[in-house]
């Protein structure tokens, strides 16, 4: 049976969302961002991801599988993204 752990991460508003997703996945796996093997642009169109929540005016949820995780990005009350990582390691 897999052990699933949940992590919540509020991105820095000065960073691209795609970079913050990479950071959140690394933290969920207790890995250094630069040393992790997962490369986001092999699974996700980073320009599209960054553009979805760019102006903090969309109220939506986006979910995808990446590097033995389920990443869910939701809009907070002010429209800013909140990243939830479910680690399946």
C-alpha atoms as a PDB file:
ATOM      1  CA  UNK A   1       0.000   0.000   0.000  1.00  0.00           C
ATOM      2  CA  UNK A   2       1.358   3.407  -0.979  1.00  0.00           C
ATOM      3  CA  UNK A   3       1.997   6.046   1.617  1.00  0.00           C
ATOM      4  CA  UNK A   4       0.544   9.373   0.486  1.00  0.00           C
ATOM      5  CA  UNK A   5       1.613  12.589   2.169  1.00  0.00           C
ATOM      6  CA  UNK A   6       0.131  16.027   1.464  1.00  0.00           C
ATOM      7  CA  UNK A   7       2.071  19.280   1.294  1.00  0.00           C
ATOM      8  CA  UNK A   8       0.723  22.790   0.754  1.00  0.00           C
ATOM      9  CA  UNK A   9       2.862  25.503  -0.745  1.00  0.00           C
ATOM     10  CA  UNK A  10       1.990  29.147  -1.320  1.00  0.00           C
ATOM     11  CA  UNK A  11       4.067  30.457  -4.228  1.00  0.00           C
ATOM     12  CA  UNK A  12       6.096  33.635  -4.046  1.00  0.00           C
ATOM     13  CA  UNK A  13       4.235  36.149  -6.182  1.00  0.00           C
ATOM     14  CA  UNK A  14       7.528  37.297  -7.737  1.00  0.00           C
ATOM     15  CA  UNK A  15       8.329  33.827  -9.146  1.00  0.00           C
ATOM     16  CA  UNK A  16       6.864  32.030 -12.145  1.00  0.00           C
ATOM     17  CA  UNK A  17       4.266  29.456 -11.108  1.00  0.00           C
ATOM     18  CA  UNK A  18       6.099  26.692 -12.982  1.00  0.00           C
ATOM     19  CA  UNK A  19       9.253  27.355 -10.935  1.00  0.00           C
ATOM     20  CA  UNK A  20       7.228  27.271  -7.755  1.00  0.00           C
ATOM     21  CA  UNK A  21       5.680  23.906  -8.732  1.00  0.00           C
ATOM     22  CA  UNK A  22       9.189  22.484  -9.214  1.00  0.00           C
ATOM     23  CA  UNK A  23      10.153  23.820  -5.778  1.00  0.00           C
ATOM     24  CA  UNK A  24       7.010  22.367  -4.174  1.00  0.00           C
ATOM     25  CA  UNK A  25       7.625  18.907  -5.674  1.00  0.00           C
ATOM     26  CA  UNK A  26      11.260  18.960  -4.522  1.00  0.00           C
ATOM     27  CA  UNK A  27      10.255  19.956  -0.978  1.00  0.00           C
ATOM     28  CA  UNK A  28       7.610  17.236  -0.868  1.00  0.00           C
ATOM     29  CA  UNK A  29      10.292  14.682  -1.713  1.00  0.00           C
ATOM     30  CA  UNK A  30      12.930  16.187   0.584  1.00  0.00           C
ATOM     31  CA  UNK A  31      15.129  16.854  -2.445  1.00  0.00           C
ATOM     32  CA  UNK A  32      17.214  19.808  -3.520  1.00  0.00           C
ATOM     33  CA  UNK A  33      15.517  21.661  -6.375  1.00  0.00           C
ATOM     34  CA  UNK A  34      18.636  21.571  -8.551  1.00  0.00           C
ATOM     35  CA  UNK A  35      19.388  17.909  -7.851  1.00  0.00           C
ATOM     36  CA  UNK A  36      15.954  16.384  -8.471  1.00  0.00           C
ATOM     37  CA  UNK A  37      15.605  14.296 -11.612  1.00  0.00           C
ATOM     38  CA  UNK A  38      12.128  15.501 -12.619  1.00  0.00           C
ATOM     39  CA  UNK A  39      12.120  18.113 -15.372  1.00  0.00           C
ATOM     40  CA  UNK A  40       8.811  19.952 -15.469  1.00  0.00           C
ATOM     41  CA  UNK A  41       8.814  20.845 -19.173  1.00  0.00           C
ATOM     42  CA  UNK A  42       8.894  17.147 -20.089  1.00  0.00           C
ATOM     43  CA  UNK A  43       5.380  16.845 -18.596  1.00  0.00           C
ATOM     44  CA  UNK A  44       3.872  20.343 -18.580  1.00  0.00           C
ATOM     45  CA  UNK A  45       3.774  23.336 -20.929  1.00  0.00           C
ATOM     46  CA  UNK A  46       5.339  25.816 -18.518  1.00  0.00           C
ATOM     47  CA  UNK A  47       4.320  28.912 -20.494  1.00  0.00           C
ATOM     48  CA  UNK A  48       0.681  27.809 -20.380  1.00  0.00           C
ATOM     49  CA  UNK A  49       0.902  27.018 -16.663  1.00  0.00           C
ATOM     50  CA  UNK A  50       2.447  30.401 -15.877  1.00  0.00           C
ATOM     51  CA  UNK A  51      -0.215  32.187 -17.918  1.00  0.00           C
ATOM     52  CA  UNK A  52      -3.219  30.506 -16.288  1.00  0.00           C
ATOM     53  CA  UNK A  53      -2.870  32.207 -12.923  1.00  0.00           C
ATOM     54  CA  UNK A  54      -0.900  35.228 -14.162  1.00  0.00           C
ATOM     55  CA  UNK A  55      -3.328  37.999 -13.282  1.00  0.00           C
ATOM     56  CA  UNK A  56      -4.816  36.355 -10.185  1.00  0.00           C
ATOM     57  CA  UNK A  57      -8.279  36.703 -11.672  1.00  0.00           C
ATOM     58  CA  UNK A  58      -9.167  33.102 -12.522  1.00  0.00           C
ATOM     59  CA  UNK A  59     -11.097  30.988 -10.063  1.00  0.00           C
ATOM     60  CA  UNK A  60     -10.110  27.480 -11.075  1.00  0.00           C
ATOM     61  CA  UNK A  61      -8.415  24.226 -10.125  1.00  0.00           C
ATOM     62  CA  UNK A  62      -5.731  22.500 -12.179  1.00  0.00           C
ATOM     63  CA  UNK A  63      -4.528  18.984 -11.372  1.00  0.00           C
ATOM     64  CA  UNK A  64      -1.815  16.851 -12.968  1.00  0.00           C
ATOM     65  CA  UNK A  65       0.468  13.901 -12.207  1.00  0.00           C
ATOM     66  CA  UNK A  66       4.207  14.520 -12.051  1.00  0.00           C
ATOM     67  CA  UNK A  67       7.192  12.684 -10.536  1.00  0.00           C
ATOM     68  CA  UNK A  68       5.146  10.294  -8.362  1.00  0.00           C
ATOM     69  CA  UNK A  69       3.008  13.191  -7.142  1.00  0.00           C
ATOM     70  CA  UNK A  70      -0.393  14.628  -7.776  1.00  0.00           C
ATOM     71  CA  UNK A  71      -0.075  18.399  -8.104  1.00  0.00           C
ATOM     72  CA  UNK A  72      -3.210  20.458  -7.574  1.00  0.00           C
ATOM     73  CA  UNK A  73      -3.203  24.209  -8.044  1.00  0.00           C
ATOM     74  CA  UNK A  74      -6.217  26.138  -6.810  1.00  0.00           C
ATOM     75  CA  UNK A  75      -7.093  29.809  -6.645  1.00  0.00           C
ATOM     76  CA  UNK A  76      -7.102  31.364  -3.210  1.00  0.00           C
ATOM     77  CA  UNK A  77      -9.738  33.898  -2.234  1.00  0.00           C
ATOM     78  CA  UNK A  78      -7.715  36.687  -3.795  1.00  0.00           C
ATOM     79  CA  UNK A  79      -7.069  34.632  -6.947  1.00  0.00           C
ATOM     80  CA  UNK A  80      -3.468  33.814  -6.048  1.00  0.00           C
ATOM     81  CA  UNK A  81      -2.447  30.189  -6.622  1.00  0.00           C
ATOM     82  CA  UNK A  82      -2.027  27.633  -3.844  1.00  0.00           C
ATOM     83  CA  UNK A  83      -0.111  24.451  -4.673  1.00  0.00           C
ATOM     84  CA  UNK A  84      -0.995  21.139  -3.035  1.00  0.00           C
ATOM     85  CA  UNK A  85       1.381  18.231  -3.608  1.00  0.00           C
ATOM     86  CA  UNK A  86       0.393  14.665  -2.763  1.00  0.00           C
ATOM     87  CA  UNK A  87       3.582  12.623  -2.670  1.00  0.00           C
ATOM     88  CA  UNK A  88       3.124   8.949  -3.564  1.00  0.00           C
ATOM     89  CA  UNK A  89       6.616   7.836  -2.597  1.00  0.00           C
END
